[in-house]
Amino acid sequence: MYLEGARPFRIVIFIYHYFHYFSIDQLCLFPSSLPLQFPLTSIRLPLDHLLIAAVTDPAVAYFAAATIIIYISFTTARSLLLFRSVSTITRNMTTTIAKFAHLQIPLEDVVKATDNFHHDNIIGRGGLGHVYKGQLQQSGELITISALRLDRKHGGGVVEFWTELSMLSDLKHPNIVSIVGFCDEKHEKIIVTTYEAKNGSLKEHLNSPNLTWTQRLKICVGVARALSYLHYDEGRGYGVIHLNVNSSTILLDENWEPKLSGFKVSIKQSLNRMDQVVLSEPIGTIGYIDPEIGKTKGVTCKSDIYAFGVVLFEILCGRIAYIRNDANRLLAPLVMQHYENETLPDIIHPDLKNQMSGYQISVRSLIIYSETAYSCLKEERSHRPYMLNIVNRLEKALEKALKFQPRLEYFVRPFLFFCFSLGL
């Protein structure tokens, strides 16, 4: 006997799907990669019907009783697991805050440094909030700072805030932004770094005729060294997958030295597991996202390689990775097509092309560079090079550019230009 309009009863079976080890002081720093993730498999049963049928059918009665017992058991287990998980994270967060205590900056100091977050001091807008320029007194010295203020209007961003803070507090490299401190006070969350963008971001200069080929190469080498440090530095004891490499997160200081920023979604990984997939949704900026994520449902250090390859071609072609209303909106497939068709010179930056045909820059350098960039965009991750190899190749391209003597290569340059046109 079944009644109309019976509401379905939902039994939710929690399956322990994925476990990834983090040390005690790391667990709370990476909530986006928590070890307890429970994909849900749902079974919908008409409980009202089941109970009525149980009155007349002993077999159904046993099934109904078993169903209720299973439901209670899973509910209790779920509550216990979640309670333990939250309790662990809470304890670890206390440890984390203590770990960063020496970096805390009073809110009043940041307010004073940015002139109460005056709109004239806004130098950038990102996914987490506004970035302000300011002057902060530290250890008796006045320093220029960038203050990333978490946007309170839209909520969220707390995970990214702590991730960025934890990453920057451990990373020390000349081509990575340096942390000054942070503020977590009166509902304000602010990360303060040294001001490294006196020449803005790389994105602002992609099409600039004033950025020489040698300068472009030096920028690429600097970023490559930063990524190599993230992936392989043994002194740190773990690797970092950046997951947000693009021309906007590469800042340029007064000497045009690159400073890598944007660590809000970065992931820690054991050095011997950098090639292993970390389960993840597609992360990053359109145009730079590793296409393999859709197949593997995760990221590896090779995801950074792909994004960096896109940046290399942005620099070579003088255009951004994604143009919304353009027929060739995505740069990556466009350059892959031209490289494979041996027509890459057709889409490189006009100034570079003119310098190349006018025997003003080293074509050998361009060939090495383009080969390296192309290898980074290979669809199969296993076919992409590692950052150590990329650093070596780009340093060689830079060496060729610095040693270039037009008068010595005058007679061979037409032949080299022809070879470059053929992709040789």
Protein backbone atom coordinates (compact mmCIF):
# COMPACT_ATOMS: atom_id res chain seq x y z
CA MET A 1 0.00 0.00 0.00
CA TYR A 2 1.48 3.33 -1.07
CA LEU A 3 0.20 6.82 -0.32
CA GLU A 4 0.37 9.77 -2.73
CA GLY A 5 2.56 12.72 -1.87
CA ALA A 6 4.99 10.80 0.31
CA ARG A 7 8.21 12.69 0.88
CA PRO A 8 11.40 10.81 0.02
CA PHE A 9 13.78 9.97 2.82
CA ARG A 10 17.41 10.66 2.05
CA ILE A 11 20.20 8.36 3.16
CA VAL A 12 23.57 9.91 2.59
CA ILE A 13 26.50 7.54 2.44
CA PHE A 14 29.81 9.22 3.10
CA ILE A 15 32.75 7.66 1.36
CA TYR A 16 36.24 8.46 2.49
CA HIS A 17 37.60 9.40 -0.91
CA TYR A 18 40.86 11.22 -0.55
CA PHE A 19 43.61 11.64 2.04
CA HIS A 20 46.68 13.80 1.67
CA TYR A 21 49.23 14.19 4.42
CA PHE A 22 49.97 17.56 5.97
CA SER A 23 51.98 18.16 9.10
CA ILE A 24 50.17 19.58 12.10
CA ASP A 25 51.23 23.17 11.51
CA GLN A 26 50.43 22.96 7.78
CA LEU A 27 46.91 21.51 7.92
CA CYS A 28 45.17 24.73 8.85
CA LEU A 29 47.18 26.70 6.30
CA PHE A 30 45.67 24.88 3.36
CA PRO A 31 41.93 24.58 3.94
CA SER A 32 41.47 24.29 0.17
CA SER A 33 43.33 20.98 0.34
CA LEU A 34 41.90 19.54 3.55
CA PRO A 35 42.48 15.83 3.96
CA LEU A 36 38.85 14.99 4.65
CA GLN A 37 36.72 15.22 1.54
CA PHE A 38 33.49 13.28 1.30
CA PRO A 39 31.89 12.81 -2.13
CA LEU A 40 28.25 11.99 -1.59
CA THR A 41 26.29 9.09 -3.01
CA SER A 42 22.58 9.56 -2.35
CA ILE A 43 19.88 6.95 -2.19
CA ARG A 44 16.30 8.24 -2.11
CA LEU A 45 13.76 5.94 -0.47
CA PRO A 46 10.00 6.64 0.01
CA LEU A 47 10.11 6.25 3.81
CA ASP A 48 6.42 6.97 4.33
CA HIS A 49 5.57 4.16 1.92
CA LEU A 50 8.18 1.89 3.49
CA LEU A 51 6.72 2.22 6.99
CA ILE A 52 3.18 1.55 5.80
CA ALA A 53 4.33 -1.52 3.85
CA ALA A 54 6.20 -2.73 6.92
CA VAL A 55 2.94 -3.10 8.82
CA THR A 56 1.78 -5.87 6.48
CA ASP A 57 5.07 -7.35 5.34
CA PRO A 58 7.62 -8.61 7.92
CA ALA A 59 10.41 -8.58 5.31
CA VAL A 60 9.80 -4.92 4.65
CA ALA A 61 9.69 -4.30 8.39
CA TYR A 62 13.18 -5.78 8.80
CA PHE A 63 14.42 -3.71 5.84
CA ALA A 64 12.92 -0.52 7.30
CA ALA A 65 14.53 -1.15 10.67
CA ALA A 66 17.89 -1.85 9.05
CA THR A 67 17.58 1.30 6.95
CA ILE A 68 16.97 3.49 9.99
CA ILE A 69 19.87 1.89 11.90
CA ILE A 70 22.24 2.43 8.95
CA TYR A 71 21.12 6.05 8.64
CA ILE A 72 21.71 6.73 12.32
CA SER A 73 25.12 5.02 12.17
CA PHE A 74 26.28 7.06 9.17
CA THR A 75 24.92 10.29 10.63
CA THR A 76 26.76 9.67 13.89
CA ALA A 77 29.97 8.74 12.06
CA ARG A 78 29.71 11.84 9.89
CA SER A 79 29.21 14.11 12.88
CA LEU A 80 32.15 12.54 14.69
CA LEU A 81 34.46 12.87 11.67
CA LEU A 82 33.47 16.48 11.03
CA PHE A 83 33.83 17.33 14.73
CA ARG A 84 37.32 15.83 14.82
CA SER A 85 38.27 17.63 11.60
CA VAL A 86 37.03 21.02 12.81
CA SER A 87 38.64 20.50 16.22
CA THR A 88 41.99 19.70 14.58
CA ILE A 89 41.78 22.74 12.32
CA THR A 90 40.87 24.99 15.26
CA ARG A 91 43.85 23.77 17.28
CA ASN A 92 46.14 24.17 14.29
CA MET A 93 44.87 27.68 13.59
CA THR A 94 45.97 28.69 17.07
CA THR A 95 49.42 27.29 16.29
CA THR A 96 49.43 29.12 12.96
CA ILE A 97 48.58 32.51 14.44
CA ALA A 98 51.34 32.05 17.01
CA LYS A 99 53.76 31.15 14.20
CA PHE A 100 53.04 34.45 12.43
CA ALA A 101 52.90 36.61 15.57
CA HIS A 102 56.19 38.33 14.73
CA LEU A 103 54.70 39.51 11.41
CA GLN A 104 51.62 41.18 12.88
CA ILE A 105 51.23 44.90 12.16
CA PRO A 106 48.73 47.03 14.11
CA LEU A 107 45.76 48.13 12.04
CA GLU A 108 46.33 51.77 12.96
CA ASP A 109 49.80 51.60 11.38
CA VAL A 110 48.40 50.28 8.09
CA VAL A 111 45.61 52.87 8.14
CA LYS A 112 48.17 55.63 8.64
CA ALA A 113 50.47 54.21 5.95
CA THR A 114 47.70 54.18 3.32
CA ASP A 115 46.08 57.46 4.39
CA ASN A 116 43.03 55.58 5.67
CA PHE A 117 42.88 53.46 2.50
CA HIS A 118 42.44 56.54 0.34
CA HIS A 119 41.25 55.78 -3.19
CA ASP A 120 44.18 57.73 -4.64
CA ASN A 121 46.50 55.09 -3.17
CA ILE A 122 44.82 52.17 -4.94
CA ILE A 123 47.37 50.57 -7.28
CA GLY A 124 45.55 47.38 -8.12
CA ARG A 125 42.35 45.40 -7.91
CA GLY A 126 42.33 41.64 -7.58
CA GLY A 127 40.10 38.73 -6.71
CA LEU A 128 40.64 39.26 -2.98
CA GLY A 129 40.31 43.03 -2.86
CA HIS A 130 42.12 46.31 -3.46
CA VAL A 131 45.88 46.81 -3.26
CA TYR A 132 47.06 50.09 -1.74
CA LYS A 133 50.43 51.81 -1.88
CA GLY A 134 51.71 53.38 1.31
CA GLN A 135 54.61 54.49 3.49
CA LEU A 136 55.15 52.39 6.61
CA GLN A 137 57.52 53.11 9.47
CA GLN A 138 59.41 49.91 10.29
CA SER A 139 62.45 49.56 12.56
CA GLY A 140 63.04 53.29 12.35
CA GLU A 141 62.99 53.26 8.56
CA LEU A 142 60.27 54.50 6.21
CA ILE A 143 59.57 51.87 3.55
CA THR A 144 57.19 51.81 0.60
CA ILE A 145 54.63 49.03 0.86
CA SER A 146 51.78 47.35 -0.97
CA ALA A 147 48.80 46.48 1.23
CA LEU A 148 46.31 43.88 -0.02
CA ARG A 149 43.07 44.54 1.84
CA LEU A 150 40.61 41.66 1.87
CA ASP A 151 37.26 42.77 0.46
CA ARG A 152 34.73 42.45 3.29
CA LYS A 153 31.68 43.21 1.15
CA HIS A 154 31.61 39.93 -0.73
CA GLY A 155 32.84 37.75 2.12
CA GLY A 156 35.09 34.76 1.57
CA GLY A 157 38.75 34.99 0.74
CA VAL A 158 39.85 33.93 4.22
CA VAL A 159 41.34 30.67 2.95
CA GLU A 160 43.24 32.53 0.22
CA PHE A 161 44.40 35.13 2.75
CA TRP A 162 46.01 32.56 5.04
CA THR A 163 47.41 30.60 2.09
CA GLU A 164 49.14 33.68 0.67
CA LEU A 165 50.46 34.65 4.08
CA SER A 166 51.80 31.18 4.83
CA MET A 167 53.51 30.95 1.45
CA LEU A 168 55.15 34.38 1.52
CA SER A 169 56.37 33.91 5.09
CA ASP A 170 58.44 30.90 3.97
CA LEU A 171 59.64 32.07 0.54
CA LYS A 172 62.84 34.09 0.16
CA HIS A 173 63.99 34.72 -3.40
CA PRO A 174 65.10 37.84 -5.31
CA ASN A 175 62.38 37.25 -7.92
CA ILE A 176 59.51 36.76 -5.45
CA VAL A 177 57.74 39.57 -3.59
CA SER A 178 58.89 39.98 0.03
CA ILE A 179 56.46 40.00 2.91
CA VAL A 180 56.54 42.78 5.49
CA GLY A 181 53.69 41.58 7.70
CA PHE A 182 49.95 41.23 8.04
CA CYS A 183 46.98 42.61 9.95
CA ASP A 184 44.09 40.54 11.31
CA GLU A 185 42.17 42.97 13.47
CA LYS A 186 38.63 44.37 13.75
CA HIS A 187 37.32 42.29 10.82
CA GLU A 188 40.19 43.58 8.66
CA LYS A 189 42.57 41.16 6.97
CA ILE A 190 45.53 42.78 5.21
CA ILE A 191 48.75 41.39 3.76
CA VAL A 192 51.63 43.87 3.55
CA THR A 193 54.53 43.34 1.14
CA THR A 194 57.35 45.53 -0.09
CA TYR A 195 56.34 47.70 -3.03
CA GLU A 196 57.76 45.89 -6.04
CA ALA A 197 55.67 47.30 -8.89
CA LYS A 198 57.33 50.61 -9.68
CA ASN A 199 57.01 49.68 -13.36
CA GLY A 200 53.64 48.01 -12.93
CA SER A 201 52.97 44.46 -14.06
CA LEU A 202 54.35 42.63 -17.07
CA LYS A 203 50.88 42.70 -18.62
CA GLU A 204 51.10 46.49 -18.95
CA HIS A 205 54.28 46.28 -21.05
CA LEU A 206 53.67 43.31 -23.34
CA ASN A 207 53.11 45.56 -26.34
CA SER A 208 55.59 48.25 -25.35
CA PRO A 209 58.13 49.18 -28.06
CA ASN A 210 60.45 50.37 -25.29
CA LEU A 211 60.93 46.90 -23.84
CA THR A 212 63.95 45.51 -25.67
CA TRP A 213 64.48 41.87 -26.54
CA THR A 214 67.25 41.60 -23.95
CA GLN A 215 65.00 43.08 -21.27
CA ARG A 216 62.23 40.65 -22.18
CA LEU A 217 64.67 37.75 -21.88
CA LYS A 218 65.94 38.93 -18.49
CA ILE A 219 62.36 39.09 -17.22
CA CYS A 220 61.71 35.55 -18.44
CA VAL A 221 64.89 34.22 -16.85
CA GLY A 222 64.00 35.87 -13.53
CA VAL A 223 60.51 34.35 -13.45
CA ALA A 224 61.89 30.96 -14.48
CA ARG A 225 64.37 31.07 -11.61
CA ALA A 226 61.57 31.94 -9.18
CA LEU A 227 59.47 29.00 -10.37
CA SER A 228 62.46 26.67 -10.22
CA TYR A 229 62.99 27.78 -6.61
CA LEU A 230 59.33 27.08 -5.84
CA HIS A 231 59.40 23.62 -7.40
CA TYR A 232 62.76 22.30 -6.22
CA ASP A 233 64.32 24.19 -3.30
CA GLU A 234 65.59 21.44 -0.99
CA GLY A 235 66.42 23.81 1.84
CA ARG A 236 62.72 24.47 2.32
CA GLY A 237 61.84 20.77 2.49
CA TYR A 238 58.81 20.94 0.20
CA GLY A 239 57.83 22.20 -3.23
CA VAL A 240 55.22 24.79 -4.15
CA ILE A 241 52.86 24.67 -7.12
CA HIS A 242 52.02 28.31 -7.80
CA LEU A 243 48.83 27.82 -9.90
CA ASN A 244 48.45 31.53 -10.68
CA VAL A 245 51.32 32.32 -13.07
CA ASN A 246 50.28 35.03 -15.54
CA SER A 247 51.48 38.39 -16.80
CA SER A 248 49.46 40.21 -14.11
CA THR A 249 51.12 38.42 -11.19
CA ILE A 250 54.60 39.22 -12.54
CA LEU A 251 55.54 42.65 -11.17
CA LEU A 252 58.42 44.79 -12.44
CA ASP A 253 60.57 46.87 -10.11
CA GLU A 254 62.49 50.05 -10.92
CA ASN A 255 65.24 48.00 -12.61
CA TRP A 256 62.76 45.90 -14.60
CA GLU A 257 63.55 42.90 -12.42
CA PRO A 258 60.51 40.58 -12.19
CA LYS A 259 58.86 39.78 -8.86
CA LEU A 260 56.42 36.87 -8.80
CA SER A 261 53.30 37.45 -6.70
CA GLY A 262 49.77 36.03 -6.36
CA PHE A 263 50.17 33.00 -4.07
CA LYS A 264 46.54 32.87 -2.92
CA VAL A 265 45.80 29.45 -4.45
CA SER A 266 49.27 27.90 -4.24
CA ILE A 267 49.72 24.35 -2.95
CA LYS A 268 52.51 22.74 -0.95
CA GLN A 269 53.71 19.36 -2.19
CA SER A 270 56.49 16.97 -1.19
CA LEU A 271 59.57 17.42 -3.36
CA ASN A 272 59.44 13.80 -4.50
CA ARG A 273 55.75 14.10 -5.41
CA MET A 274 55.76 17.21 -7.60
CA ASP A 275 54.71 15.11 -10.60
CA GLN A 276 51.83 13.48 -8.75
CA VAL A 277 48.35 14.85 -9.32
CA VAL A 278 46.81 16.94 -6.54
CA LEU A 279 43.04 16.78 -6.90
CA SER A 280 41.71 20.20 -7.81
CA GLU A 281 39.12 22.06 -9.78
CA PRO A 282 40.45 24.23 -12.65
CA ILE A 283 42.42 26.99 -10.92
CA GLY A 284 43.94 30.11 -12.39
CA THR A 285 43.18 32.68 -15.07
CA ILE A 286 41.49 32.01 -18.40
CA GLY A 287 44.13 31.46 -21.04
CA TYR A 288 46.72 30.05 -18.65
CA ILE A 289 44.91 27.01 -17.21
CA ASP A 290 46.50 23.64 -17.85
CA PRO A 291 44.18 21.75 -20.27
CA GLU A 292 45.18 18.46 -18.61
CA ILE A 293 43.22 19.43 -15.48
CA GLY A 294 40.02 18.40 -17.24
CA LYS A 295 41.40 14.91 -17.86
CA THR A 296 43.23 14.24 -14.61
CA LYS A 297 40.96 16.26 -12.29
CA GLY A 298 44.04 17.75 -10.71
CA VAL A 299 47.26 19.73 -11.00
CA THR A 300 51.01 19.07 -10.87
CA CYS A 301 54.11 21.24 -11.16
CA LYS A 302 53.66 20.87 -14.94
CA SER A 303 50.53 23.04 -14.62
CA ASP A 304 52.86 25.94 -13.77
CA ILE A 305 55.00 25.01 -16.79
CA TYR A 306 52.01 25.38 -19.11
CA ALA A 307 51.07 28.78 -17.68
CA PHE A 308 54.66 29.97 -17.96
CA GLY A 309 54.75 28.85 -21.60
CA VAL A 310 51.76 31.07 -22.26
CA VAL A 311 53.60 33.99 -20.61
CA LEU A 312 56.64 33.34 -22.81
CA PHE A 313 54.50 33.62 -25.93
CA GLU A 314 52.75 36.72 -24.56
CA ILE A 315 56.18 38.34 -24.36
CA LEU A 316 57.17 37.16 -27.84
CA CYS A 317 53.89 38.16 -29.51
CA GLY A 318 53.15 41.29 -27.50
CA ARG A 319 49.55 40.36 -26.67
CA ILE A 320 47.68 38.99 -23.68
CA ALA A 321 46.66 35.35 -23.32
CA TYR A 322 42.93 35.91 -23.62
CA ILE A 323 41.00 38.55 -25.59
CA ARG A 324 37.27 38.18 -25.01
CA ASN A 325 35.89 39.49 -28.31
CA ASP A 326 38.72 38.40 -30.59
CA ALA A 327 38.35 35.61 -33.16
CA ASN A 328 41.62 34.18 -31.83
CA ARG A 329 40.71 34.88 -28.23
CA LEU A 330 43.09 32.29 -26.77
CA LEU A 331 46.78 32.82 -27.50
CA ALA A 332 48.00 29.29 -26.70
CA PRO A 333 46.26 27.39 -29.53
CA LEU A 334 47.07 30.23 -31.93
CA VAL A 335 50.82 30.10 -31.32
CA MET A 336 50.83 26.30 -31.35
CA GLN A 337 49.20 26.35 -34.78
CA HIS A 338 51.63 28.93 -36.18
CA TYR A 339 54.66 27.19 -34.71
CA GLU A 340 53.65 23.83 -36.18
CA ASN A 341 52.85 25.48 -39.54
CA GLU A 342 56.24 27.25 -39.49
CA THR A 343 54.59 30.67 -39.63
CA LEU A 344 55.43 31.91 -36.12
CA PRO A 345 57.12 35.12 -37.40
CA ASP A 346 53.70 36.20 -38.68
CA ILE A 347 52.38 36.76 -35.15
CA ILE A 348 55.40 37.89 -33.12
CA HIS A 349 55.65 41.47 -31.88
CA PRO A 350 56.08 43.81 -34.90
CA ASP A 351 59.06 45.59 -33.32
CA LEU A 352 60.82 42.28 -32.68
CA LYS A 353 60.09 41.15 -36.21
CA ASN A 354 61.52 44.38 -37.64
CA GLN A 355 64.63 44.11 -35.46
CA MET A 356 65.06 40.51 -36.55
CA SER A 357 64.77 41.28 -40.25
CA GLY A 358 66.98 44.37 -39.78
CA TYR A 359 69.78 42.27 -38.25
CA GLN A 360 69.52 44.06 -34.89
CA ILE A 361 68.90 41.09 -32.57
CA SER A 362 70.12 37.51 -32.38
CA VAL A 363 67.92 35.12 -34.32
CA ARG A 364 69.66 32.22 -32.57
CA SER A 365 68.34 33.62 -29.32
CA LEU A 366 64.81 33.80 -30.74
CA ILE A 367 64.97 30.22 -32.00
CA ILE A 368 66.03 28.85 -28.60
CA TYR A 369 63.35 30.94 -26.90
CA SER A 370 60.51 29.89 -29.20
CA GLU A 371 61.48 26.20 -28.96
CA THR A 372 61.41 26.44 -25.18
CA ALA A 373 58.05 28.23 -25.10
CA TYR A 374 56.51 25.69 -27.47
CA SER A 375 57.70 22.75 -25.37
CA CYS A 376 55.94 24.22 -22.32
CA LEU A 377 52.57 24.07 -24.09
CA LYS A 378 52.67 20.37 -24.96
CA GLU A 379 49.28 18.84 -24.23
CA GLU A 380 50.76 15.81 -22.47
CA ARG A 381 52.31 16.87 -19.17
CA SER A 382 55.02 14.24 -19.50
CA HIS A 383 56.22 15.96 -22.68
CA ARG A 384 56.68 19.34 -20.99
CA PRO A 385 60.13 20.20 -19.62
CA TYR A 386 60.93 20.82 -15.96
CA MET A 387 61.77 24.30 -14.71
CA LEU A 388 65.47 23.48 -14.29
CA ASN A 389 65.69 22.70 -18.00
CA ILE A 390 63.70 25.81 -18.89
CA VAL A 391 66.03 28.01 -16.83
CA ASN A 392 69.05 26.58 -18.65
CA ARG A 393 67.49 27.12 -22.07
CA LEU A 394 66.41 30.69 -21.36
CA GLU A 395 69.80 31.55 -19.89
CA LYS A 396 71.36 30.26 -23.10
CA ALA A 397 68.98 32.43 -25.15
CA LEU A 398 69.93 35.43 -23.02
CA GLU A 399 73.62 34.65 -23.41
CA LYS A 400 73.21 34.60 -27.21
CA ALA A 401 71.41 37.94 -27.10
CA LEU A 402 74.06 39.59 -24.91
CA LYS A 403 76.96 38.30 -27.01
CA PHE A 404 75.33 39.23 -30.30
CA GLN A 405 77.56 41.27 -32.61
CA PRO A 406 75.71 42.49 -35.75
CA ARG A 407 78.84 42.98 -37.82
CA LEU A 408 80.03 39.41 -37.20
CA GLU A 409 76.70 37.85 -38.10
CA TYR A 410 75.80 40.12 -40.98
CA PHE A 411 76.31 37.48 -43.65
CA VAL A 412 74.70 34.58 -41.81
CA ARG A 413 71.67 36.40 -40.43
CA PRO A 414 69.52 36.15 -43.59
CA PHE A 415 70.02 32.39 -43.49
CA LEU A 416 69.17 32.26 -39.76
CA PHE A 417 66.04 34.34 -40.31
CA PHE A 418 65.01 31.91 -43.02
CA CYS A 419 65.58 29.00 -40.61
CA PHE A 420 63.53 30.71 -37.90
CA SER A 421 60.70 31.25 -40.37
CA LEU A 422 60.71 27.50 -41.01
CA GLY A 423 60.84 26.73 -37.29
CA LEU A 424 64.23 25.05 -37.62
